[in-house]
Each structure stands twice: as C-alpha cells, then as structure tokens.
Amino acid sequence: MIAAVMCGGAGSRLGAGEEKPLVKLGGKHNVDRVIGALEKSGRFSRIIAAVSPNTPRTREFLASRGVDIIDTPGAGYPQDLSFLLARLAHEWVLVVPADIPLLTPAAVGEALDLLLKEHGPAVSLVAEKCFVEKLGVRPSVLVGDLCHSGITLFDASVAGPVEERYVTMNRAEIAVNVNTKGEKELAELLVKRADDFTKDLGL
C-alpha cells in the first residue's frame, strides 16, 4: 500500500506567504510531522508527496530530504487528486493532507484498520461536526453533519467516478487541520502538549 501526502495547498488564508506544508509547529514542518507518522506506522511500502506549482518551496524541501515526489498540475484539489491516482493505477493508496500536524503512528494504524473494514474503491475518514467544532476548528468540507478529514483510502485500479463511503473517527489527530491563523495557534498548543507528553514517556 502507498501513502500519498497532498502538498499542493498554497495556504493563502494563513498569511505571510506560508505554504501550508511548511508551516512550523513546535519546530517541525507540518509535512515533516505527517510523513513521520506515516513512516513510523510501518504500514506502507512507499510514501510519496504530491506537490504543485503552488508549493515550490515545499517541493525543494522534500526533494532535499529524499522524499519521493509526484508533480501535479495545481489545477485544484479534485483535479490534482485525479492526476495523482492515475499515476498510481493498480495500487491501494491512502491519501493524507499535509496540514494535520497532530497525526501519530497509532492514529494512522487505527484509521487504516477502520477504512479497510469498509470495502469500496473510495473510503474516507470523517469526524462529527460537533466534535470538530468543540476542538475549535472550523469545518472546511462538510458531508451533512460530518467533517471530511481529507484522509481517503482509494483503490486506484478502479477508473472513473466511484461511490465514496465514510467511516467516522472522532479523534483530534485527524480532525485538527491548519487552514487559518486561529487554527495554527490551536494546533501549536495541541502539538506542544503532545510533544511534551511524548518526552515525558521517553519516546
């Protein structure tokens, strides 16, 4: 199975010209935290980053660290995702956004186990809207009363439009993304708590 990290967002709502994947929290870039969690989960044969013309500095940063990269056109998230999946045909692909810095190896494993139980060519992880709002995050993609996490397991061998199914997982690790300055401040606080907890455990 492949994990693909979507790194094409320019982060215009964050201000200061920051590319979303390169936003730093606790001294580490968003994308570093996400890729690290995927690697440490031990569930993937390959981890790649999908970049776009919107994120040239992200591309340079990831290339300098030896991360596998796929360049997408930057025509919009749906178009870039379709481009990516076409390049990875005949593979199972877990698509993950680069702006969920609380992601942990344990959360990756739990999410993947839940997604694999729901058979289908496209199964997405969602959280309840009320849960997300209690965290202080403004839902960006809603499916009724559910918030899309941006995490989807695809069977890329299936061509054309497919029915998307949903699995609910109310965990901050998949629900806190960084789209605005307010969400960045919230994520900084939560990341610090998580990092301090990890240090206390000696991990």
N, C-alpha and C. Protein backbone atom coordinates (compact mmCIF):
# COMPACT_ATOMS: atom_id res chain seq x y z
N MET A 1 0.84 -1.19 0.00
CA MET A 1 0.00 0.00 0.00
C MET A 1 0.88 1.25 0.00
N ILE A 2 0.42 2.27 -0.72
CA ILE A 2 1.13 3.54 -0.82
C ILE A 2 0.41 4.58 0.01
N ALA A 3 1.17 5.46 0.66
CA ALA A 3 0.61 6.65 1.30
C ALA A 3 1.02 7.86 0.46
N ALA A 4 0.05 8.69 0.13
CA ALA A 4 0.32 9.88 -0.68
C ALA A 4 -0.09 11.11 0.12
N VAL A 5 0.85 12.00 0.37
CA VAL A 5 0.60 13.22 1.13
C VAL A 5 0.36 14.37 0.16
N MET A 6 -0.82 14.98 0.27
CA MET A 6 -1.19 16.07 -0.62
C MET A 6 -0.55 17.37 -0.12
N CYS A 7 0.38 17.90 -0.92
CA CYS A 7 1.18 19.06 -0.51
C CYS A 7 1.05 20.22 -1.49
N GLY A 8 -0.12 20.37 -2.11
CA GLY A 8 -0.26 21.39 -3.15
C GLY A 8 -0.91 22.67 -2.70
N GLY A 9 -1.29 22.78 -1.40
CA GLY A 9 -2.01 23.96 -0.94
C GLY A 9 -1.09 25.14 -0.66
N ALA A 10 -1.46 26.31 -1.20
CA ALA A 10 -0.63 27.50 -1.04
C ALA A 10 -0.75 28.11 0.35
N GLY A 11 -1.86 27.86 1.04
CA GLY A 11 -2.02 28.41 2.38
C GLY A 11 -2.32 29.89 2.40
N SER A 12 -3.13 30.37 1.46
CA SER A 12 -3.39 31.80 1.34
C SER A 12 -4.08 32.36 2.59
N ARG A 13 -4.88 31.55 3.29
CA ARG A 13 -5.59 32.04 4.47
C ARG A 13 -4.68 32.16 5.69
N LEU A 14 -3.47 31.59 5.60
CA LEU A 14 -2.55 31.69 6.73
C LEU A 14 -1.80 33.02 6.74
N GLY A 15 -1.69 33.66 5.59
CA GLY A 15 -0.97 34.92 5.51
C GLY A 15 0.53 34.71 5.53
N ALA A 16 1.27 35.80 5.42
CA ALA A 16 2.74 35.80 5.50
C ALA A 16 3.39 34.92 4.43
N GLY A 17 2.64 34.58 3.39
CA GLY A 17 3.22 33.81 2.29
C GLY A 17 3.64 32.41 2.65
N GLU A 18 3.05 31.83 3.69
CA GLU A 18 3.44 30.49 4.10
C GLU A 18 2.77 29.43 3.24
N GLU A 19 3.55 28.49 2.76
CA GLU A 19 2.98 27.31 2.13
C GLU A 19 2.53 26.37 3.24
N LYS A 20 1.30 25.88 3.15
CA LYS A 20 0.74 25.08 4.24
C LYS A 20 1.63 23.92 4.70
N PRO A 21 2.21 23.15 3.78
CA PRO A 21 3.03 22.03 4.25
C PRO A 21 4.25 22.46 5.06
N LEU A 22 4.69 23.70 4.86
CA LEU A 22 5.90 24.16 5.53
C LEU A 22 5.63 24.97 6.79
N VAL A 23 4.37 25.11 7.18
CA VAL A 23 4.06 25.77 8.45
C VAL A 23 4.76 25.00 9.57
N LYS A 24 5.45 25.74 10.44
CA LYS A 24 6.18 25.10 11.53
C LYS A 24 5.39 25.14 12.82
N LEU A 25 5.33 23.99 13.47
CA LEU A 25 4.69 23.85 14.79
C LEU A 25 5.65 23.08 15.68
N GLY A 26 6.04 23.68 16.78
CA GLY A 26 6.99 23.02 17.66
C GLY A 26 8.32 22.75 16.98
N GLY A 27 8.70 23.63 16.06
CA GLY A 27 10.00 23.50 15.39
C GLY A 27 10.03 22.52 14.24
N LYS A 28 8.88 21.91 13.91
CA LYS A 28 8.83 20.96 12.80
C LYS A 28 7.76 21.36 11.80
N HIS A 29 8.05 21.17 10.53
CA HIS A 29 7.08 21.48 9.49
C HIS A 29 5.89 20.52 9.56
N ASN A 30 4.72 21.02 9.17
CA ASN A 30 3.52 20.18 9.08
C ASN A 30 3.82 18.89 8.33
N VAL A 31 4.40 19.03 7.15
CA VAL A 31 4.61 17.86 6.29
C VAL A 31 5.60 16.88 6.91
N ASP A 32 6.57 17.38 7.69
CA ASP A 32 7.50 16.50 8.39
C ASP A 32 6.77 15.64 9.40
N ARG A 33 5.84 16.26 10.11
CA ARG A 33 5.09 15.53 11.13
C ARG A 33 4.22 14.45 10.49
N VAL A 34 3.56 14.80 9.39
CA VAL A 34 2.67 13.85 8.73
C VAL A 34 3.45 12.69 8.14
N ILE A 35 4.51 12.99 7.41
CA ILE A 35 5.32 11.93 6.81
C ILE A 35 5.95 11.06 7.90
N GLY A 36 6.40 11.68 8.98
CA GLY A 36 6.99 10.91 10.09
C GLY A 36 6.00 9.93 10.68
N ALA A 37 4.75 10.37 10.86
CA ALA A 37 3.73 9.48 11.42
C ALA A 37 3.45 8.31 10.48
N LEU A 38 3.40 8.59 9.19
CA LEU A 38 3.15 7.53 8.21
C LEU A 38 4.30 6.53 8.18
N GLU A 39 5.54 7.04 8.21
CA GLU A 39 6.70 6.15 8.21
C GLU A 39 6.73 5.26 9.44
N LYS A 40 6.51 5.87 10.61
CA LYS A 40 6.62 5.12 11.86
C LYS A 40 5.47 4.13 12.06
N SER A 41 4.38 4.31 11.32
CA SER A 41 3.28 3.35 11.43
C SER A 41 3.67 1.99 10.88
N GLY A 42 4.62 1.97 9.94
CA GLY A 42 5.08 0.71 9.36
C GLY A 42 4.07 0.01 8.46
N ARG A 43 3.10 0.78 7.95
CA ARG A 43 2.00 0.17 7.18
C ARG A 43 2.14 0.34 5.68
N PHE A 44 3.18 1.03 5.22
CA PHE A 44 3.23 1.40 3.80
C PHE A 44 4.53 0.95 3.14
N SER A 45 4.39 0.50 1.91
CA SER A 45 5.57 0.10 1.14
C SER A 45 6.27 1.31 0.52
N ARG A 46 5.53 2.41 0.40
CA ARG A 46 6.08 3.60 -0.22
C ARG A 46 5.29 4.82 0.25
N ILE A 47 5.99 5.92 0.49
CA ILE A 47 5.35 7.18 0.86
C ILE A 47 5.81 8.24 -0.12
N ILE A 48 4.83 8.91 -0.72
CA ILE A 48 5.16 9.94 -1.71
C ILE A 48 4.48 11.25 -1.31
N ALA A 49 4.98 12.32 -1.89
CA ALA A 49 4.38 13.64 -1.69
C ALA A 49 3.92 14.18 -3.03
N ALA A 50 2.67 14.65 -3.08
CA ALA A 50 2.12 15.25 -4.30
C ALA A 50 2.18 16.77 -4.15
N VAL A 51 3.04 17.40 -4.93
CA VAL A 51 3.22 18.85 -4.86
C VAL A 51 2.60 19.50 -6.09
N SER A 52 2.57 20.83 -6.10
CA SER A 52 2.00 21.55 -7.23
C SER A 52 2.80 22.83 -7.45
N PRO A 53 2.52 23.56 -8.54
CA PRO A 53 3.20 24.84 -8.75
C PRO A 53 2.94 25.85 -7.63
N ASN A 54 1.91 25.58 -6.80
CA ASN A 54 1.63 26.47 -5.66
C ASN A 54 2.63 26.30 -4.52
N THR A 55 3.38 25.21 -4.54
CA THR A 55 4.25 24.90 -3.39
C THR A 55 5.69 24.60 -3.83
N PRO A 56 6.34 25.54 -4.48
CA PRO A 56 7.71 25.29 -4.95
C PRO A 56 8.72 25.09 -3.82
N ARG A 57 8.53 25.81 -2.72
CA ARG A 57 9.47 25.66 -1.60
C ARG A 57 9.28 24.31 -0.91
N THR A 58 8.03 23.86 -0.89
CA THR A 58 7.76 22.53 -0.33
C THR A 58 8.45 21.47 -1.17
N ARG A 59 8.34 21.62 -2.48
CA ARG A 59 8.98 20.64 -3.36
C ARG A 59 10.49 20.59 -3.12
N GLU A 60 11.10 21.76 -3.02
CA GLU A 60 12.55 21.84 -2.80
C GLU A 60 12.92 21.21 -1.45
N PHE A 61 12.13 21.50 -0.43
CA PHE A 61 12.38 20.97 0.91
C PHE A 61 12.30 19.45 0.92
N LEU A 62 11.25 18.90 0.31
CA LEU A 62 11.07 17.45 0.32
C LEU A 62 12.13 16.75 -0.54
N ALA A 63 12.47 17.35 -1.68
CA ALA A 63 13.49 16.76 -2.54
C ALA A 63 14.83 16.69 -1.83
N SER A 64 15.14 17.71 -1.03
CA SER A 64 16.42 17.74 -0.31
C SER A 64 16.48 16.65 0.75
N ARG A 65 15.33 16.14 1.15
CA ARG A 65 15.26 15.08 2.15
C ARG A 65 15.01 13.71 1.55
N GLY A 66 15.05 13.63 0.23
CA GLY A 66 14.94 12.35 -0.45
C GLY A 66 13.55 11.76 -0.50
N VAL A 67 12.52 12.60 -0.32
CA VAL A 67 11.14 12.11 -0.37
C VAL A 67 10.72 11.93 -1.83
N ASP A 68 10.05 10.82 -2.13
CA ASP A 68 9.51 10.61 -3.48
C ASP A 68 8.45 11.66 -3.78
N ILE A 69 8.50 12.24 -4.97
CA ILE A 69 7.62 13.36 -5.32
C ILE A 69 6.89 13.07 -6.62
N ILE A 70 5.60 13.45 -6.65
CA ILE A 70 4.84 13.50 -7.89
C ILE A 70 4.37 14.93 -8.08
N ASP A 71 4.66 15.49 -9.23
CA ASP A 71 4.24 16.86 -9.54
C ASP A 71 2.85 16.84 -10.15
N THR A 72 1.91 17.56 -9.52
CA THR A 72 0.56 17.67 -10.06
C THR A 72 0.38 19.05 -10.70
N PRO A 73 -0.64 19.23 -11.53
CA PRO A 73 -0.77 20.49 -12.28
C PRO A 73 -1.11 21.72 -11.43
N GLY A 74 -1.70 21.52 -10.25
CA GLY A 74 -2.11 22.66 -9.45
C GLY A 74 -3.39 23.28 -9.96
N ALA A 75 -4.24 22.48 -10.60
CA ALA A 75 -5.49 22.97 -11.19
C ALA A 75 -6.64 22.99 -10.19
N GLY A 76 -6.39 22.55 -8.96
CA GLY A 76 -7.44 22.41 -7.96
C GLY A 76 -7.33 21.04 -7.32
N TYR A 77 -7.83 20.92 -6.08
CA TYR A 77 -7.64 19.67 -5.35
C TYR A 77 -8.23 18.46 -6.09
N PRO A 78 -9.49 18.51 -6.55
CA PRO A 78 -10.05 17.32 -7.23
C PRO A 78 -9.24 16.92 -8.46
N GLN A 79 -8.83 17.93 -9.24
CA GLN A 79 -8.08 17.65 -10.46
C GLN A 79 -6.70 17.07 -10.14
N ASP A 80 -6.04 17.64 -9.13
CA ASP A 80 -4.72 17.13 -8.75
C ASP A 80 -4.82 15.73 -8.18
N LEU A 81 -5.88 15.46 -7.43
CA LEU A 81 -6.08 14.12 -6.88
C LEU A 81 -6.30 13.10 -8.00
N SER A 82 -7.11 13.45 -8.99
CA SER A 82 -7.35 12.54 -10.12
C SER A 82 -6.05 12.28 -10.87
N PHE A 83 -5.25 13.32 -11.04
CA PHE A 83 -3.95 13.18 -11.71
C PHE A 83 -3.06 12.22 -10.93
N LEU A 84 -3.03 12.39 -9.62
CA LEU A 84 -2.21 11.53 -8.77
C LEU A 84 -2.64 10.07 -8.86
N LEU A 85 -3.94 9.82 -8.73
CA LEU A 85 -4.43 8.44 -8.74
C LEU A 85 -4.19 7.77 -10.09
N ALA A 86 -4.26 8.56 -11.16
CA ALA A 86 -3.97 8.00 -12.49
C ALA A 86 -2.52 7.55 -12.59
N ARG A 87 -1.64 8.27 -11.90
CA ARG A 87 -0.23 7.90 -11.90
C ARG A 87 0.03 6.66 -11.04
N LEU A 88 -0.87 6.39 -10.11
CA LEU A 88 -0.68 5.27 -9.18
C LEU A 88 -1.68 4.15 -9.44
N ALA A 89 -2.10 4.02 -10.69
CA ALA A 89 -3.09 3.00 -11.05
C ALA A 89 -2.63 1.61 -10.61
N HIS A 90 -3.62 0.78 -10.23
CA HIS A 90 -3.40 -0.59 -9.79
C HIS A 90 -2.78 -0.68 -8.39
N GLU A 91 -2.87 0.41 -7.64
CA GLU A 91 -2.35 0.42 -6.28
C GLU A 91 -3.47 0.79 -5.29
N TRP A 92 -3.30 0.36 -4.05
CA TRP A 92 -4.10 0.90 -2.96
C TRP A 92 -3.36 2.10 -2.42
N VAL A 93 -4.07 3.22 -2.32
CA VAL A 93 -3.43 4.48 -1.95
C VAL A 93 -4.19 5.14 -0.80
N LEU A 94 -3.49 5.41 0.29
CA LEU A 94 -4.07 6.21 1.36
C LEU A 94 -3.65 7.66 1.14
N VAL A 95 -4.63 8.50 0.82
CA VAL A 95 -4.36 9.92 0.59
C VAL A 95 -4.53 10.67 1.91
N VAL A 96 -3.52 11.46 2.24
CA VAL A 96 -3.50 12.18 3.52
C VAL A 96 -3.12 13.64 3.26
N PRO A 97 -3.82 14.60 3.86
CA PRO A 97 -3.43 16.00 3.69
C PRO A 97 -2.17 16.32 4.50
N ALA A 98 -1.44 17.32 4.06
CA ALA A 98 -0.19 17.68 4.73
C ALA A 98 -0.40 18.62 5.90
N ASP A 99 -1.67 18.99 6.17
CA ASP A 99 -1.92 20.02 7.18
C ASP A 99 -2.61 19.47 8.43
N ILE A 100 -2.32 18.20 8.79
CA ILE A 100 -2.87 17.63 10.03
C ILE A 100 -1.70 17.24 10.94
N PRO A 101 -1.11 18.22 11.62
CA PRO A 101 0.14 18.01 12.35
C PRO A 101 0.04 17.15 13.60
N LEU A 102 -1.19 16.85 14.06
CA LEU A 102 -1.33 16.01 15.24
C LEU A 102 -1.29 14.52 14.91
N LEU A 103 -1.22 14.20 13.64
CA LEU A 103 -1.24 12.80 13.23
C LEU A 103 -0.11 12.02 13.91
N THR A 104 -0.44 10.83 14.40
CA THR A 104 0.54 9.96 15.06
C THR A 104 0.54 8.60 14.39
N PRO A 105 1.60 7.81 14.61
CA PRO A 105 1.62 6.45 14.05
C PRO A 105 0.43 5.62 14.53
N ALA A 106 0.06 5.76 15.80
CA ALA A 106 -1.07 4.99 16.33
C ALA A 106 -2.37 5.39 15.65
N ALA A 107 -2.57 6.70 15.42
CA ALA A 107 -3.78 7.17 14.75
C ALA A 107 -3.82 6.69 13.31
N VAL A 108 -2.66 6.66 12.66
CA VAL A 108 -2.59 6.14 11.29
C VAL A 108 -3.04 4.69 11.25
N GLY A 109 -2.53 3.89 12.17
CA GLY A 109 -2.89 2.48 12.21
C GLY A 109 -4.37 2.27 12.48
N GLU A 110 -4.90 3.03 13.44
CA GLU A 110 -6.32 2.91 13.77
C GLU A 110 -7.19 3.32 12.58
N ALA A 111 -6.81 4.43 11.94
CA ALA A 111 -7.57 4.91 10.80
C ALA A 111 -7.56 3.90 9.66
N LEU A 112 -6.39 3.35 9.38
CA LEU A 112 -6.28 2.40 8.28
C LEU A 112 -7.09 1.13 8.55
N ASP A 113 -7.07 0.66 9.78
CA ASP A 113 -7.86 -0.53 10.13
C ASP A 113 -9.36 -0.27 9.93
N LEU A 114 -9.82 0.92 10.32
CA LEU A 114 -11.23 1.27 10.14
C LEU A 114 -11.59 1.35 8.66
N LEU A 115 -10.73 1.96 7.87
CA LEU A 115 -11.00 2.14 6.45
C LEU A 115 -11.01 0.80 5.71
N LEU A 116 -10.13 -0.10 6.10
CA LEU A 116 -10.05 -1.39 5.42
C LEU A 116 -11.26 -2.28 5.70
N LYS A 117 -11.94 -2.03 6.81
CA LYS A 117 -13.15 -2.81 7.14
C LYS A 117 -14.33 -2.44 6.25
N GLU A 118 -14.31 -1.21 5.73
CA GLU A 118 -15.40 -0.74 4.87
C GLU A 118 -14.98 -0.92 3.42
N HIS A 119 -15.42 -1.98 2.79
CA HIS A 119 -14.97 -2.31 1.44
C HIS A 119 -15.53 -1.30 0.43
N GLY A 120 -14.67 -0.87 -0.47
CA GLY A 120 -15.09 0.05 -1.52
C GLY A 120 -13.90 0.71 -2.16
N PRO A 121 -14.07 1.25 -3.36
CA PRO A 121 -12.95 1.86 -4.07
C PRO A 121 -12.53 3.21 -3.51
N ALA A 122 -13.39 3.83 -2.67
CA ALA A 122 -13.04 5.12 -2.06
C ALA A 122 -13.74 5.20 -0.71
N VAL A 123 -12.95 5.09 0.36
CA VAL A 123 -13.50 5.14 1.72
C VAL A 123 -12.79 6.25 2.48
N SER A 124 -13.57 7.20 2.98
CA SER A 124 -12.99 8.39 3.62
C SER A 124 -13.27 8.43 5.11
N LEU A 125 -12.35 9.04 5.82
CA LEU A 125 -12.46 9.21 7.26
C LEU A 125 -13.13 10.56 7.55
N VAL A 126 -14.15 10.52 8.40
CA VAL A 126 -14.86 11.74 8.78
C VAL A 126 -14.95 11.81 10.30
N ALA A 127 -15.23 13.03 10.79
CA ALA A 127 -15.48 13.24 12.22
C ALA A 127 -16.79 14.00 12.34
N GLU A 128 -17.47 13.82 13.45
CA GLU A 128 -18.72 14.53 13.64
C GLU A 128 -18.47 16.03 13.76
N LYS A 129 -19.34 16.80 13.13
CA LYS A 129 -19.18 18.26 13.11
C LYS A 129 -19.11 18.84 14.52
N CYS A 130 -19.97 18.36 15.41
CA CYS A 130 -19.99 18.88 16.78
C CYS A 130 -18.68 18.61 17.49
N PHE A 131 -18.06 17.46 17.22
CA PHE A 131 -16.76 17.13 17.82
C PHE A 131 -15.68 18.07 17.31
N VAL A 132 -15.66 18.31 16.01
CA VAL A 132 -14.65 19.18 15.41
C VAL A 132 -14.79 20.61 15.92
N GLU A 133 -16.00 21.09 15.99
CA GLU A 133 -16.23 22.46 16.45
C GLU A 133 -15.84 22.63 17.92
N LYS A 134 -16.03 21.60 18.74
CA LYS A 134 -15.62 21.67 20.15
C LYS A 134 -14.10 21.79 20.28
N LEU A 135 -13.40 21.28 19.30
CA LEU A 135 -11.94 21.40 19.31
C LEU A 135 -11.50 22.82 18.96
N GLY A 136 -12.40 23.60 18.39
CA GLY A 136 -12.06 24.96 17.98
C GLY A 136 -11.68 25.08 16.53
N VAL A 137 -12.01 24.05 15.75
CA VAL A 137 -11.68 24.02 14.33
C VAL A 137 -12.93 24.32 13.52
N ARG A 138 -12.78 25.15 12.51
CA ARG A 138 -13.90 25.45 11.61
C ARG A 138 -13.93 24.41 10.50
N PRO A 139 -15.01 23.62 10.42
CA PRO A 139 -15.09 22.59 9.37
C PRO A 139 -14.96 23.20 7.98
N SER A 140 -14.14 22.60 7.14
CA SER A 140 -13.94 23.13 5.79
C SER A 140 -14.66 22.33 4.73
N VAL A 141 -14.80 21.02 4.91
CA VAL A 141 -15.52 20.17 3.95
C VAL A 141 -16.55 19.35 4.73
N LEU A 142 -17.81 19.67 4.51
CA LEU A 142 -18.88 19.01 5.24
C LEU A 142 -19.62 18.00 4.38
N VAL A 143 -19.97 16.87 4.99
CA VAL A 143 -20.83 15.87 4.37
C VAL A 143 -22.00 15.70 5.33
N GLY A 144 -23.03 16.52 5.16
CA GLY A 144 -24.12 16.56 6.14
C GLY A 144 -23.59 17.12 7.45
N ASP A 145 -23.73 16.34 8.52
CA ASP A 145 -23.21 16.74 9.84
C ASP A 145 -21.85 16.13 10.14
N LEU A 146 -21.16 15.71 9.09
CA LEU A 146 -19.84 15.10 9.24
C LEU A 146 -18.78 15.96 8.55
N CYS A 147 -17.60 15.99 9.12
CA CYS A 147 -16.48 16.76 8.56
C CYS A 147 -15.49 15.82 7.91
N HIS A 148 -15.19 16.09 6.67
CA HIS A 148 -14.22 15.26 5.93
C HIS A 148 -12.82 15.57 6.42
N SER A 149 -12.06 14.54 6.75
CA SER A 149 -10.70 14.73 7.26
C SER A 149 -9.68 14.96 6.15
N GLY A 150 -10.06 14.59 4.92
CA GLY A 150 -9.09 14.62 3.82
C GLY A 150 -8.34 13.31 3.68
N ILE A 151 -8.60 12.38 4.58
CA ILE A 151 -7.95 11.06 4.54
C ILE A 151 -8.89 10.08 3.84
N THR A 152 -8.43 9.53 2.73
CA THR A 152 -9.25 8.60 1.95
C THR A 152 -8.39 7.44 1.46
N LEU A 153 -8.95 6.24 1.57
CA LEU A 153 -8.30 5.05 1.03
C LEU A 153 -8.91 4.76 -0.34
N PHE A 154 -8.07 4.78 -1.38
CA PHE A 154 -8.51 4.56 -2.75
C PHE A 154 -7.98 3.24 -3.30
N ASP A 155 -8.81 2.58 -4.05
CA ASP A 155 -8.36 1.50 -4.92
C ASP A 155 -8.16 2.16 -6.28
N ALA A 156 -6.92 2.54 -6.57
CA ALA A 156 -6.64 3.31 -7.78
C ALA A 156 -6.76 2.50 -9.05
N SER A 157 -7.03 1.20 -8.93
CA SER A 157 -7.23 0.39 -10.13
C SER A 157 -8.62 0.60 -10.71
N VAL A 158 -9.51 1.20 -9.93
CA VAL A 158 -10.88 1.45 -10.39
C VAL A 158 -10.93 2.81 -11.08
N ALA A 159 -11.20 2.82 -12.35
CA ALA A 159 -11.21 4.05 -13.13
C ALA A 159 -12.59 4.70 -13.12
N GLY A 160 -12.61 6.02 -13.31
CA GLY A 160 -13.87 6.74 -13.43
C GLY A 160 -14.48 7.08 -12.09
N PRO A 161 -15.64 7.73 -12.09
CA PRO A 161 -16.31 8.13 -10.85
C PRO A 161 -16.68 6.91 -10.00
N VAL A 162 -16.49 7.03 -8.70
CA VAL A 162 -16.82 5.94 -7.79
C VAL A 162 -17.65 6.49 -6.61
N GLU A 163 -18.38 5.60 -5.97
CA GLU A 163 -19.15 6.00 -4.80
C GLU A 163 -18.21 6.10 -3.59
N GLU A 164 -18.25 7.25 -2.92
CA GLU A 164 -17.42 7.44 -1.74
C GLU A 164 -18.19 6.99 -0.49
N ARG A 165 -17.55 6.19 0.32
CA ARG A 165 -18.13 5.75 1.57
C ARG A 165 -17.41 6.44 2.72
N TYR A 166 -18.04 6.44 3.91
CA TYR A 166 -17.49 7.20 5.03
C TYR A 166 -17.41 6.35 6.29
N VAL A 167 -16.34 6.59 7.04
CA VAL A 167 -16.15 5.95 8.34
C VAL A 167 -15.86 7.05 9.35
N THR A 168 -16.55 7.02 10.48
CA THR A 168 -16.40 8.08 11.49
C THR A 168 -15.31 7.73 12.51
N MET A 169 -14.47 8.73 12.77
CA MET A 169 -13.40 8.59 13.77
C MET A 169 -13.23 9.93 14.46
N ASN A 170 -13.76 10.05 15.65
CA ASN A 170 -13.68 11.31 16.39
C ASN A 170 -12.38 11.36 17.18
N ARG A 171 -11.33 11.74 16.49
CA ARG A 171 -10.01 11.88 17.11
C ARG A 171 -9.39 13.19 16.65
N ALA A 172 -8.81 13.95 17.59
CA ALA A 172 -8.18 15.23 17.26
C ALA A 172 -7.05 15.04 16.25
N GLU A 173 -6.42 13.87 16.28
CA GLU A 173 -5.28 13.62 15.39
C GLU A 173 -5.64 13.74 13.91
N ILE A 174 -6.91 13.47 13.58
CA ILE A 174 -7.31 13.55 12.18
C ILE A 174 -8.25 14.73 11.92
N ALA A 175 -8.68 15.39 13.00
CA ALA A 175 -9.68 16.45 12.85
C ALA A 175 -9.09 17.86 12.85
N VAL A 176 -7.90 18.03 13.41
CA VAL A 176 -7.30 19.37 13.51
C VAL A 176 -6.40 19.61 12.30
N ASN A 177 -6.88 20.46 11.39
CA ASN A 177 -6.02 20.85 10.27
C ASN A 177 -5.69 22.34 10.41
N VAL A 178 -4.77 22.80 9.59
CA VAL A 178 -4.26 24.17 9.73
C VAL A 178 -4.54 24.94 8.45
N ASN A 179 -5.66 25.66 8.45
CA ASN A 179 -6.03 26.47 7.29
C ASN A 179 -5.98 27.97 7.57
N THR A 180 -6.12 28.35 8.84
CA THR A 180 -6.18 29.76 9.23
C THR A 180 -5.20 30.03 10.36
N LYS A 181 -5.00 31.32 10.66
CA LYS A 181 -4.10 31.70 11.75
C LYS A 181 -4.62 31.17 13.08
N GLY A 182 -5.95 31.22 13.28
CA GLY A 182 -6.52 30.72 14.51
C GLY A 182 -6.29 29.23 14.69
N GLU A 183 -6.44 28.46 13.62
CA GLU A 183 -6.21 27.02 13.68
C GLU A 183 -4.73 26.71 13.89
N LYS A 184 -3.87 27.58 13.35
CA LYS A 184 -2.44 27.40 13.58
C LYS A 184 -2.11 27.57 15.07
N GLU A 185 -2.72 28.58 15.70
CA GLU A 185 -2.49 28.80 17.13
C GLU A 185 -3.00 27.63 17.95
N LEU A 186 -4.18 27.12 17.60
CA LEU A 186 -4.72 25.95 18.29
C LEU A 186 -3.80 24.75 18.11
N ALA A 187 -3.37 24.51 16.88
CA ALA A 187 -2.51 23.37 16.60
C ALA A 187 -1.18 23.49 17.34
N GLU A 188 -0.64 24.70 17.44
CA GLU A 188 0.61 24.90 18.17
C GLU A 188 0.47 24.47 19.63
N LEU A 189 -0.66 24.84 20.24
CA LEU A 189 -0.91 24.47 21.63
C LEU A 189 -1.03 22.96 21.77
N LEU A 190 -1.80 22.33 20.90
CA LEU A 190 -2.02 20.89 20.99
C LEU A 190 -0.76 20.10 20.66
N VAL A 191 0.01 20.58 19.69
CA VAL A 191 1.26 19.91 19.33
C VAL A 191 2.24 19.98 20.49
N LYS A 192 2.31 21.12 21.16
CA LYS A 192 3.22 21.26 22.31
C LYS A 192 2.84 20.28 23.42
N ARG A 193 1.54 20.17 23.68
CA ARG A 193 1.10 19.22 24.71
C ARG A 193 1.47 17.79 24.34
N ALA A 194 1.24 17.45 23.06
CA ALA A 194 1.54 16.09 22.59
C ALA A 194 3.05 15.83 22.64
N ASP A 195 3.85 16.80 22.23
CA ASP A 195 5.31 16.64 22.24
C ASP A 195 5.84 16.51 23.66
N ASP A 196 5.29 17.32 24.57
CA ASP A 196 5.71 17.24 25.98
C ASP A 196 5.35 15.89 26.58
N PHE A 197 4.17 15.38 26.24
CA PHE A 197 3.73 14.09 26.73
C PHE A 197 4.65 12.98 26.24
N THR A 198 5.02 13.07 24.96
CA THR A 198 5.92 12.07 24.37
C THR A 198 7.29 12.10 25.05
N LYS A 199 7.79 13.30 25.33
CA LYS A 199 9.08 13.43 26.00
C LYS A 199 9.02 12.85 27.41
N ASP A 200 7.92 13.10 28.12
CA ASP A 200 7.76 12.58 29.47
C ASP A 200 7.79 11.05 29.49
N LEU A 201 7.29 10.45 28.41
CA LEU A 201 7.28 8.98 28.31
C LEU A 201 8.62 8.43 27.83
N GLY A 202 9.50 9.35 27.39
CA GLY A 202 10.81 8.93 26.89
C GLY A 202 10.77 8.32 25.52
N LEU A 203 9.75 8.71 24.71
CA LEU A 203 9.58 8.14 23.37
C LEU A 203 10.23 9.05 22.33
